[in-house]
Amino acid sequence: MTTMGNEEAKLAEELLDAFSSFDRAAHAGRFSMLKRIAKPGQVFVLMNLKKQGPSDGSGLRVTEIANSLGVTPSSVTQIVTDLEAKGLVKRSMDSSDRRAVRVRLTREGDSFVEDFQSPYLPVLDALVGSLGKERSRQLIDLLAETNVFLLEAAKAAREPQAERPGEDDKEHTER
């Protein structure tokens, strides 16, 4: 674990506060209204299918969804089961690999995502107007870089801990 100095620790706390404030502001009222229909994890899967799904309607493999969201395939499988029961997604066998399952949005699922996103678009359009094109692009790039970092950190946290460097050396010197 890296030891942070006081300035880095303070910045880390400020980032945590900024992320918390952003999350509250970005989702104020939206998720509470949607809880009757879908949980946040379900919304993320639906949005991922809408954005990443092939235009031919074949859908995405469960593993593709899991990798994109930084979660386990078993978590996605449970979410897909719940969404399928609500009529928002449809599962099918992958024609090229019968062991794999593909998931695609139904018309109802597509409508759900459109309804979910539509209130945000005018607000984000206004944000672009406020920040300007250059700063908006910088924000997009920083958020994408942050997303990659956080997904990698989450993946590393789920993987079994490898032997730490130097522990083997300590064992040899104690003999």
N, C-alpha and C. Protein backbone atom coordinates (compact mmCIF):
# COMPACT_ATOMS: atom_id res chain seq x y z
N MET A 1 0.84 -1.17 0.00
CA MET A 1 0.00 0.00 0.00
C MET A 1 0.88 1.24 0.00
N THR A 2 0.58 2.19 -0.82
CA THR A 2 1.37 3.40 -0.93
C THR A 2 1.06 4.33 0.23
N THR A 3 2.10 4.87 0.84
CA THR A 3 1.91 5.82 1.92
C THR A 3 1.75 7.20 1.30
N MET A 4 0.66 7.86 1.64
CA MET A 4 0.41 9.19 1.10
C MET A 4 0.86 10.24 2.09
N GLY A 5 1.35 11.34 1.54
CA GLY A 5 1.66 12.48 2.36
C GLY A 5 0.39 13.20 2.74
N ASN A 6 0.50 14.20 3.58
CA ASN A 6 -0.68 14.95 4.04
C ASN A 6 -1.43 15.60 2.88
N GLU A 7 -0.70 16.16 1.91
CA GLU A 7 -1.36 16.83 0.80
C GLU A 7 -2.13 15.83 -0.07
N GLU A 8 -1.53 14.67 -0.35
CA GLU A 8 -2.21 13.65 -1.15
C GLU A 8 -3.43 13.09 -0.41
N ALA A 9 -3.30 12.89 0.90
CA ALA A 9 -4.42 12.39 1.70
C ALA A 9 -5.57 13.39 1.70
N LYS A 10 -5.24 14.67 1.78
CA LYS A 10 -6.27 15.71 1.76
C LYS A 10 -6.97 15.74 0.39
N LEU A 11 -6.18 15.61 -0.67
CA LEU A 11 -6.77 15.58 -2.01
C LEU A 11 -7.67 14.35 -2.19
N ALA A 12 -7.24 13.21 -1.66
CA ALA A 12 -8.06 12.00 -1.74
C ALA A 12 -9.39 12.21 -1.02
N GLU A 13 -9.37 12.84 0.14
CA GLU A 13 -10.61 13.13 0.86
C GLU A 13 -11.49 14.10 0.08
N GLU A 14 -10.87 15.10 -0.55
CA GLU A 14 -11.63 16.05 -1.36
C GLU A 14 -12.26 15.35 -2.57
N LEU A 15 -11.53 14.40 -3.18
CA LEU A 15 -12.09 13.63 -4.29
C LEU A 15 -13.29 12.81 -3.83
N LEU A 16 -13.17 12.19 -2.66
CA LEU A 16 -14.29 11.42 -2.12
C LEU A 16 -15.51 12.31 -1.92
N ASP A 17 -15.30 13.48 -1.34
CA ASP A 17 -16.40 14.43 -1.14
C ASP A 17 -17.01 14.86 -2.47
N ALA A 18 -16.14 15.13 -3.46
CA ALA A 18 -16.61 15.58 -4.77
C ALA A 18 -17.43 14.48 -5.45
N PHE A 19 -16.93 13.22 -5.38
CA PHE A 19 -17.69 12.12 -5.98
C PHE A 19 -19.02 11.93 -5.28
N SER A 20 -19.04 12.02 -3.96
CA SER A 20 -20.30 11.87 -3.22
C SER A 20 -21.29 12.96 -3.58
N SER A 21 -20.81 14.20 -3.64
CA SER A 21 -21.68 15.32 -4.00
C SER A 21 -22.20 15.17 -5.43
N PHE A 22 -21.31 14.77 -6.33
CA PHE A 22 -21.69 14.58 -7.72
C PHE A 22 -22.76 13.50 -7.84
N ASP A 23 -22.56 12.40 -7.14
CA ASP A 23 -23.52 11.30 -7.20
C ASP A 23 -24.89 11.74 -6.71
N ARG A 24 -24.91 12.46 -5.59
CA ARG A 24 -26.20 12.94 -5.06
C ARG A 24 -26.87 13.89 -6.04
N ALA A 25 -26.11 14.83 -6.61
CA ALA A 25 -26.68 15.81 -7.52
C ALA A 25 -27.13 15.16 -8.84
N ALA A 26 -26.31 14.25 -9.35
CA ALA A 26 -26.61 13.63 -10.64
C ALA A 26 -27.85 12.75 -10.58
N HIS A 27 -28.11 12.17 -9.43
CA HIS A 27 -29.22 11.23 -9.33
C HIS A 27 -30.35 11.69 -8.43
N ALA A 28 -30.34 12.96 -8.07
CA ALA A 28 -31.37 13.48 -7.17
C ALA A 28 -32.76 13.14 -7.68
N GLY A 29 -33.43 12.31 -6.94
CA GLY A 29 -34.82 11.98 -7.26
C GLY A 29 -34.99 10.91 -8.33
N ARG A 30 -34.03 10.72 -9.21
CA ARG A 30 -34.21 9.78 -10.32
C ARG A 30 -34.25 8.33 -9.83
N PHE A 31 -33.28 7.92 -9.03
CA PHE A 31 -33.25 6.53 -8.62
C PHE A 31 -34.39 6.21 -7.65
N SER A 32 -34.79 7.17 -6.83
CA SER A 32 -35.90 6.88 -5.92
C SER A 32 -37.18 6.62 -6.71
N MET A 33 -37.37 7.34 -7.80
CA MET A 33 -38.54 7.12 -8.64
C MET A 33 -38.44 5.78 -9.37
N LEU A 34 -37.23 5.41 -9.77
CA LEU A 34 -37.04 4.20 -10.55
C LEU A 34 -36.99 2.93 -9.71
N LYS A 35 -36.81 3.05 -8.40
CA LYS A 35 -36.67 1.86 -7.56
C LYS A 35 -37.86 0.93 -7.69
N ARG A 36 -39.01 1.49 -8.02
CA ARG A 36 -40.19 0.65 -8.21
C ARG A 36 -40.03 -0.21 -9.47
N ILE A 37 -39.24 0.27 -10.42
CA ILE A 37 -39.10 -0.41 -11.70
C ILE A 37 -37.80 -1.20 -11.77
N ALA A 38 -36.69 -0.55 -11.41
CA ALA A 38 -35.38 -1.20 -11.53
C ALA A 38 -34.42 -0.63 -10.50
N LYS A 39 -33.51 -1.48 -10.05
CA LYS A 39 -32.46 -1.06 -9.12
C LYS A 39 -31.33 -0.42 -9.91
N PRO A 40 -30.47 0.39 -9.25
CA PRO A 40 -29.38 1.04 -9.98
C PRO A 40 -28.52 0.08 -10.80
N GLY A 41 -28.16 -1.08 -10.26
CA GLY A 41 -27.36 -2.05 -11.02
C GLY A 41 -28.07 -2.51 -12.28
N GLN A 42 -29.39 -2.65 -12.19
CA GLN A 42 -30.17 -3.03 -13.36
C GLN A 42 -30.17 -1.93 -14.41
N VAL A 43 -30.26 -0.68 -13.94
CA VAL A 43 -30.22 0.46 -14.86
C VAL A 43 -28.86 0.49 -15.58
N PHE A 44 -27.77 0.22 -14.86
CA PHE A 44 -26.45 0.22 -15.49
C PHE A 44 -26.35 -0.85 -16.57
N VAL A 45 -26.91 -2.04 -16.30
CA VAL A 45 -26.90 -3.11 -17.31
C VAL A 45 -27.71 -2.68 -18.52
N LEU A 46 -28.90 -2.13 -18.30
CA LEU A 46 -29.74 -1.69 -19.41
C LEU A 46 -29.05 -0.62 -20.25
N MET A 47 -28.43 0.35 -19.57
CA MET A 47 -27.74 1.43 -20.30
C MET A 47 -26.55 0.88 -21.07
N ASN A 48 -25.85 -0.09 -20.49
CA ASN A 48 -24.72 -0.71 -21.17
C ASN A 48 -25.18 -1.44 -22.43
N LEU A 49 -26.29 -2.16 -22.33
CA LEU A 49 -26.83 -2.86 -23.49
C LEU A 49 -27.21 -1.86 -24.58
N LYS A 50 -27.78 -0.75 -24.20
CA LYS A 50 -28.20 0.27 -25.17
C LYS A 50 -26.98 0.88 -25.87
N LYS A 51 -25.95 1.18 -25.09
CA LYS A 51 -24.79 1.86 -25.65
C LYS A 51 -23.85 0.91 -26.39
N GLN A 52 -23.59 -0.26 -25.82
CA GLN A 52 -22.58 -1.17 -26.36
C GLN A 52 -23.14 -2.27 -27.27
N GLY A 53 -24.44 -2.49 -27.20
CA GLY A 53 -25.03 -3.59 -27.96
C GLY A 53 -24.88 -3.41 -29.46
N PRO A 54 -24.60 -4.50 -30.18
CA PRO A 54 -24.44 -4.41 -31.63
C PRO A 54 -25.73 -3.95 -32.30
N SER A 55 -25.58 -3.23 -33.40
CA SER A 55 -26.74 -2.69 -34.11
C SER A 55 -27.60 -3.78 -34.74
N ASP A 56 -27.05 -4.99 -34.90
CA ASP A 56 -27.84 -6.08 -35.48
C ASP A 56 -28.83 -6.69 -34.50
N GLY A 57 -28.82 -6.21 -33.24
CA GLY A 57 -29.77 -6.70 -32.25
C GLY A 57 -29.41 -8.02 -31.61
N SER A 58 -28.19 -8.51 -31.88
CA SER A 58 -27.79 -9.80 -31.31
C SER A 58 -27.49 -9.73 -29.82
N GLY A 59 -27.27 -8.54 -29.31
CA GLY A 59 -27.02 -8.36 -27.89
C GLY A 59 -25.57 -8.58 -27.53
N LEU A 60 -25.31 -8.57 -26.23
CA LEU A 60 -23.97 -8.74 -25.69
C LEU A 60 -23.90 -10.02 -24.88
N ARG A 61 -22.71 -10.59 -24.80
CA ARG A 61 -22.49 -11.73 -23.92
C ARG A 61 -22.47 -11.25 -22.48
N VAL A 62 -22.87 -12.10 -21.58
CA VAL A 62 -22.87 -11.76 -20.15
C VAL A 62 -21.46 -11.33 -19.72
N THR A 63 -20.44 -12.02 -20.21
CA THR A 63 -19.06 -11.66 -19.83
C THR A 63 -18.68 -10.29 -20.34
N GLU A 64 -19.17 -9.90 -21.51
CA GLU A 64 -18.89 -8.57 -22.04
C GLU A 64 -19.51 -7.49 -21.15
N ILE A 65 -20.73 -7.73 -20.72
CA ILE A 65 -21.41 -6.78 -19.84
C ILE A 65 -20.64 -6.67 -18.52
N ALA A 66 -20.29 -7.82 -17.95
CA ALA A 66 -19.58 -7.85 -16.67
C ALA A 66 -18.25 -7.10 -16.77
N ASN A 67 -17.48 -7.36 -17.82
CA ASN A 67 -16.19 -6.68 -17.99
C ASN A 67 -16.36 -5.18 -18.14
N SER A 68 -17.37 -4.77 -18.88
CA SER A 68 -17.61 -3.35 -19.11
C SER A 68 -18.00 -2.62 -17.83
N LEU A 69 -18.73 -3.32 -16.96
CA LEU A 69 -19.20 -2.69 -15.72
C LEU A 69 -18.28 -2.95 -14.53
N GLY A 70 -17.29 -3.82 -14.71
CA GLY A 70 -16.36 -4.11 -13.62
C GLY A 70 -16.98 -4.95 -12.51
N VAL A 71 -17.87 -5.86 -12.90
CA VAL A 71 -18.51 -6.75 -11.93
C VAL A 71 -18.32 -8.19 -12.39
N THR A 72 -18.75 -9.14 -11.58
CA THR A 72 -18.59 -10.55 -11.93
C THR A 72 -19.71 -10.99 -12.88
N PRO A 73 -19.43 -11.98 -13.73
CA PRO A 73 -20.49 -12.51 -14.59
C PRO A 73 -21.68 -13.04 -13.80
N SER A 74 -21.44 -13.62 -12.62
CA SER A 74 -22.57 -14.13 -11.83
C SER A 74 -23.48 -12.99 -11.36
N SER A 75 -22.90 -11.83 -11.08
CA SER A 75 -23.73 -10.67 -10.71
C SER A 75 -24.60 -10.24 -11.87
N VAL A 76 -24.02 -10.22 -13.06
CA VAL A 76 -24.78 -9.83 -14.25
C VAL A 76 -25.87 -10.85 -14.53
N THR A 77 -25.57 -12.14 -14.36
CA THR A 77 -26.57 -13.18 -14.60
C THR A 77 -27.79 -12.97 -13.71
N GLN A 78 -27.58 -12.65 -12.44
CA GLN A 78 -28.71 -12.40 -11.53
C GLN A 78 -29.50 -11.17 -11.96
N ILE A 79 -28.80 -10.12 -12.33
CA ILE A 79 -29.48 -8.90 -12.79
C ILE A 79 -30.29 -9.19 -14.05
N VAL A 80 -29.69 -9.93 -14.98
CA VAL A 80 -30.39 -10.27 -16.22
C VAL A 80 -31.63 -11.10 -15.93
N THR A 81 -31.55 -12.02 -14.99
CA THR A 81 -32.72 -12.82 -14.61
C THR A 81 -33.84 -11.91 -14.14
N ASP A 82 -33.52 -10.93 -13.29
CA ASP A 82 -34.52 -9.99 -12.79
C ASP A 82 -35.09 -9.14 -13.92
N LEU A 83 -34.22 -8.65 -14.81
CA LEU A 83 -34.66 -7.81 -15.92
C LEU A 83 -35.51 -8.59 -16.92
N GLU A 84 -35.16 -9.85 -17.13
CA GLU A 84 -35.94 -10.68 -18.05
C GLU A 84 -37.35 -10.91 -17.49
N ALA A 85 -37.44 -11.10 -16.18
CA ALA A 85 -38.75 -11.28 -15.54
C ALA A 85 -39.62 -10.03 -15.69
N LYS A 86 -38.99 -8.88 -15.79
CA LYS A 86 -39.72 -7.61 -15.97
C LYS A 86 -39.98 -7.30 -17.44
N GLY A 87 -39.48 -8.17 -18.34
CA GLY A 87 -39.71 -7.96 -19.77
C GLY A 87 -38.81 -6.91 -20.39
N LEU A 88 -37.71 -6.56 -19.73
CA LEU A 88 -36.83 -5.50 -20.23
C LEU A 88 -35.67 -6.01 -21.07
N VAL A 89 -35.32 -7.30 -20.92
CA VAL A 89 -34.27 -7.91 -21.73
C VAL A 89 -34.72 -9.29 -22.16
N LYS A 90 -34.02 -9.82 -23.16
CA LYS A 90 -34.27 -11.17 -23.66
C LYS A 90 -32.93 -11.87 -23.78
N ARG A 91 -32.89 -13.11 -23.32
CA ARG A 91 -31.68 -13.94 -23.43
C ARG A 91 -31.80 -14.86 -24.63
N SER A 92 -30.65 -15.17 -25.22
CA SER A 92 -30.61 -16.16 -26.30
C SER A 92 -29.24 -16.81 -26.31
N MET A 93 -29.17 -17.99 -26.91
CA MET A 93 -27.90 -18.68 -27.04
C MET A 93 -27.07 -17.97 -28.10
N ASP A 94 -25.78 -17.90 -27.88
CA ASP A 94 -24.86 -17.32 -28.86
C ASP A 94 -24.72 -18.32 -30.01
N SER A 95 -24.98 -17.87 -31.23
CA SER A 95 -24.94 -18.78 -32.38
C SER A 95 -23.53 -19.31 -32.67
N SER A 96 -22.50 -18.57 -32.26
CA SER A 96 -21.13 -19.04 -32.53
C SER A 96 -20.53 -19.83 -31.37
N ASP A 97 -21.15 -19.73 -30.18
CA ASP A 97 -20.64 -20.46 -29.01
C ASP A 97 -21.84 -20.83 -28.14
N ARG A 98 -22.28 -22.06 -28.23
CA ARG A 98 -23.50 -22.48 -27.54
C ARG A 98 -23.39 -22.42 -26.02
N ARG A 99 -22.16 -22.31 -25.50
CA ARG A 99 -21.99 -22.18 -24.05
C ARG A 99 -22.30 -20.76 -23.58
N ALA A 100 -22.20 -19.80 -24.49
CA ALA A 100 -22.37 -18.39 -24.14
C ALA A 100 -23.83 -17.96 -24.31
N VAL A 101 -24.22 -17.01 -23.47
CA VAL A 101 -25.56 -16.45 -23.52
C VAL A 101 -25.45 -14.99 -23.94
N ARG A 102 -26.32 -14.58 -24.85
CA ARG A 102 -26.38 -13.19 -25.28
C ARG A 102 -27.62 -12.54 -24.67
N VAL A 103 -27.50 -11.28 -24.37
CA VAL A 103 -28.59 -10.52 -23.77
C VAL A 103 -28.83 -9.29 -24.63
N ARG A 104 -30.10 -9.03 -24.93
CA ARG A 104 -30.44 -7.84 -25.71
C ARG A 104 -31.63 -7.14 -25.06
N LEU A 105 -31.77 -5.87 -25.35
CA LEU A 105 -32.91 -5.11 -24.87
C LEU A 105 -34.17 -5.50 -25.63
N THR A 106 -35.28 -5.54 -24.94
CA THR A 106 -36.58 -5.65 -25.61
C THR A 106 -37.02 -4.23 -25.94
N ARG A 107 -38.13 -4.10 -26.63
CA ARG A 107 -38.67 -2.75 -26.91
C ARG A 107 -38.94 -2.02 -25.60
N GLU A 108 -39.47 -2.76 -24.62
CA GLU A 108 -39.76 -2.15 -23.32
C GLU A 108 -38.47 -1.68 -22.64
N GLY A 109 -37.41 -2.49 -22.75
CA GLY A 109 -36.12 -2.13 -22.17
C GLY A 109 -35.53 -0.91 -22.85
N ASP A 110 -35.65 -0.85 -24.16
CA ASP A 110 -35.15 0.30 -24.91
C ASP A 110 -35.91 1.57 -24.51
N SER A 111 -37.21 1.46 -24.37
CA SER A 111 -38.04 2.60 -23.94
C SER A 111 -37.67 3.04 -22.52
N PHE A 112 -37.41 2.06 -21.66
CA PHE A 112 -37.02 2.37 -20.29
C PHE A 112 -35.75 3.22 -20.27
N VAL A 113 -34.73 2.80 -21.05
CA VAL A 113 -33.46 3.54 -21.08
C VAL A 113 -33.69 4.94 -21.63
N GLU A 114 -34.48 5.06 -22.68
CA GLU A 114 -34.79 6.38 -23.25
C GLU A 114 -35.46 7.28 -22.20
N ASP A 115 -36.45 6.73 -21.50
CA ASP A 115 -37.15 7.49 -20.47
C ASP A 115 -36.22 7.89 -19.33
N PHE A 116 -35.29 6.99 -18.99
CA PHE A 116 -34.35 7.27 -17.91
C PHE A 116 -33.38 8.38 -18.30
N GLN A 117 -32.87 8.34 -19.53
CA GLN A 117 -31.85 9.30 -19.95
C GLN A 117 -32.41 10.67 -20.34
N SER A 118 -33.63 10.71 -20.80
CA SER A 118 -34.17 11.95 -21.37
C SER A 118 -34.13 13.15 -20.43
N PRO A 119 -34.39 13.04 -19.14
CA PRO A 119 -34.30 14.23 -18.29
C PRO A 119 -32.87 14.76 -18.12
N TYR A 120 -31.87 13.89 -18.29
CA TYR A 120 -30.48 14.31 -18.10
C TYR A 120 -29.94 15.10 -19.29
N LEU A 121 -30.41 14.79 -20.48
CA LEU A 121 -29.82 15.38 -21.68
C LEU A 121 -29.90 16.90 -21.73
N PRO A 122 -31.03 17.53 -21.42
CA PRO A 122 -31.05 19.00 -21.43
C PRO A 122 -30.11 19.61 -20.37
N VAL A 123 -30.01 18.95 -19.22
CA VAL A 123 -29.13 19.44 -18.16
C VAL A 123 -27.67 19.34 -18.61
N LEU A 124 -27.32 18.22 -19.21
CA LEU A 124 -25.94 18.05 -19.68
C LEU A 124 -25.63 18.96 -20.86
N ASP A 125 -26.62 19.23 -21.69
CA ASP A 125 -26.44 20.20 -22.77
C ASP A 125 -26.14 21.58 -22.19
N ALA A 126 -26.85 21.93 -21.14
CA ALA A 126 -26.60 23.21 -20.46
C ALA A 126 -25.22 23.23 -19.81
N LEU A 127 -24.79 22.09 -19.27
CA LEU A 127 -23.46 21.99 -18.67
C LEU A 127 -22.39 22.24 -19.74
N VAL A 128 -22.56 21.65 -20.92
CA VAL A 128 -21.61 21.89 -22.01
C VAL A 128 -21.59 23.37 -22.36
N GLY A 129 -22.75 23.98 -22.38
CA GLY A 129 -22.81 25.42 -22.64
C GLY A 129 -22.10 26.23 -21.58
N SER A 130 -22.20 25.81 -20.34
CA SER A 130 -21.55 26.51 -19.24
C SER A 130 -20.04 26.30 -19.23
N LEU A 131 -19.60 25.07 -19.44
CA LEU A 131 -18.17 24.76 -19.41
C LEU A 131 -17.46 25.15 -20.70
N GLY A 132 -18.18 25.09 -21.80
CA GLY A 132 -17.56 25.28 -23.11
C GLY A 132 -17.09 23.94 -23.64
N LYS A 133 -16.81 23.92 -24.95
CA LYS A 133 -16.45 22.66 -25.60
C LYS A 133 -15.14 22.10 -25.09
N GLU A 134 -14.13 22.94 -24.93
CA GLU A 134 -12.80 22.46 -24.52
C GLU A 134 -12.83 21.86 -23.12
N ARG A 135 -13.42 22.58 -22.16
CA ARG A 135 -13.48 22.07 -20.79
C ARG A 135 -14.40 20.86 -20.69
N SER A 136 -15.46 20.81 -21.50
CA SER A 136 -16.34 19.64 -21.52
C SER A 136 -15.56 18.42 -22.00
N ARG A 137 -14.76 18.58 -23.05
CA ARG A 137 -13.94 17.48 -23.56
C ARG A 137 -12.95 17.04 -22.49
N GLN A 138 -12.32 18.00 -21.78
CA GLN A 138 -11.39 17.65 -20.70
C GLN A 138 -12.10 16.85 -19.62
N LEU A 139 -13.30 17.27 -19.26
CA LEU A 139 -14.08 16.56 -18.24
C LEU A 139 -14.39 15.14 -18.70
N ILE A 140 -14.82 15.00 -19.95
CA ILE A 140 -15.11 13.67 -20.49
C ILE A 140 -13.87 12.79 -20.42
N ASP A 141 -12.73 13.32 -20.83
CA ASP A 141 -11.49 12.55 -20.82
C ASP A 141 -11.08 12.17 -19.40
N LEU A 142 -11.20 13.11 -18.46
CA LEU A 142 -10.85 12.82 -17.06
C LEU A 142 -11.78 11.76 -16.46
N LEU A 143 -13.07 11.87 -16.77
CA LEU A 143 -14.02 10.89 -16.25
C LEU A 143 -13.77 9.51 -16.86
N ALA A 144 -13.43 9.46 -18.14
CA ALA A 144 -13.12 8.17 -18.78
C ALA A 144 -11.88 7.56 -18.15
N GLU A 145 -10.86 8.36 -17.93
CA GLU A 145 -9.63 7.88 -17.29
C GLU A 145 -9.90 7.41 -15.86
N THR A 146 -10.73 8.15 -15.15
CA THR A 146 -11.11 7.77 -13.79
C THR A 146 -11.88 6.45 -13.79
N ASN A 147 -12.80 6.30 -14.74
CA ASN A 147 -13.58 5.07 -14.84
C ASN A 147 -12.68 3.87 -15.06
N VAL A 148 -11.72 3.98 -15.97
CA VAL A 148 -10.79 2.87 -16.22
C VAL A 148 -10.01 2.54 -14.95
N PHE A 149 -9.51 3.55 -14.27
CA PHE A 149 -8.75 3.34 -13.04
C PHE A 149 -9.60 2.62 -11.99
N LEU A 150 -10.83 3.10 -11.78
CA LEU A 150 -11.70 2.51 -10.76
C LEU A 150 -12.11 1.08 -11.11
N LEU A 151 -12.36 0.81 -12.40
CA LEU A 151 -12.69 -0.56 -12.81
C LEU A 151 -11.51 -1.50 -12.58
N GLU A 152 -10.30 -1.03 -12.88
CA GLU A 152 -9.11 -1.86 -12.65
C GLU A 152 -8.89 -2.09 -11.15
N ALA A 153 -9.13 -1.07 -10.35
CA ALA A 153 -8.98 -1.21 -8.90
C ALA A 153 -10.01 -2.20 -8.35
N ALA A 154 -11.23 -2.14 -8.85
CA ALA A 154 -12.28 -3.06 -8.40
C ALA A 154 -11.93 -4.49 -8.82
N LYS A 155 -11.41 -4.65 -10.02
CA LYS A 155 -11.03 -5.98 -10.49
C LYS A 155 -9.89 -6.53 -9.64
N ALA A 156 -8.91 -5.71 -9.34
CA ALA A 156 -7.77 -6.15 -8.52
C ALA A 156 -8.24 -6.52 -7.11
N ALA A 157 -9.23 -5.81 -6.59
CA ALA A 157 -9.73 -6.10 -5.25
C ALA A 157 -10.47 -7.44 -5.21
N ARG A 158 -11.07 -7.85 -6.33
CA ARG A 158 -11.80 -9.12 -6.39
C ARG A 158 -10.89 -10.32 -6.59
N GLU A 159 -9.71 -10.10 -7.19
CA GLU A 159 -8.80 -11.20 -7.48
C GLU A 159 -8.10 -11.67 -6.22
N PRO A 160 -7.80 -12.97 -6.14
CA PRO A 160 -7.07 -13.48 -4.97
C PRO A 160 -5.73 -12.77 -4.85
N GLN A 161 -5.35 -12.51 -3.63
CA GLN A 161 -4.09 -11.81 -3.40
C GLN A 161 -2.91 -12.69 -3.78
N ALA A 162 -2.08 -12.17 -4.64
CA ALA A 162 -0.85 -12.87 -5.01
C ALA A 162 0.14 -12.68 -3.86
N GLU A 163 1.15 -13.54 -3.84
CA GLU A 163 2.17 -13.40 -2.80
C GLU A 163 2.81 -12.03 -2.95
N ARG A 164 2.95 -11.34 -1.87
CA ARG A 164 3.50 -9.99 -1.90
C ARG A 164 5.01 -10.03 -2.14
N PRO A 165 5.52 -9.10 -2.94
CA PRO A 165 6.95 -9.06 -3.19
C PRO A 165 7.72 -8.91 -1.88
N GLY A 166 8.77 -9.64 -1.75
CA GLY A 166 9.61 -9.51 -0.56
C GLY A 166 9.27 -10.49 0.54
N GLU A 167 8.05 -11.03 0.57
CA GLU A 167 7.68 -11.97 1.63
C GLU A 167 8.50 -13.25 1.53
N ASP A 168 8.73 -13.68 0.30
CA ASP A 168 9.54 -14.88 0.09
C ASP A 168 10.96 -14.65 0.60
N ASP A 169 11.50 -13.45 0.36
CA ASP A 169 12.85 -13.11 0.80
C ASP A 169 12.96 -13.17 2.32
N LYS A 170 11.91 -12.66 3.00
CA LYS A 170 11.92 -12.63 4.46
C LYS A 170 11.97 -14.06 5.01
N GLU A 171 11.19 -14.95 4.35
CA GLU A 171 11.16 -16.35 4.79
C GLU A 171 12.54 -16.99 4.67
N HIS A 172 13.25 -16.70 3.57
CA HIS A 172 14.57 -17.29 3.36
C HIS A 172 15.60 -16.76 4.36
N THR A 173 15.50 -15.50 4.72
CA THR A 173 16.50 -14.93 5.65
C THR A 173 16.27 -15.37 7.06
N GLU A 174 15.04 -15.80 7.42
CA GLU A 174 14.75 -16.21 8.80
C GLU A 174 15.19 -17.64 9.07
N ARG A 175 15.48 -18.41 8.05
CA ARG A 175 15.84 -19.83 8.23
C ARG A 175 17.20 -20.00 8.81
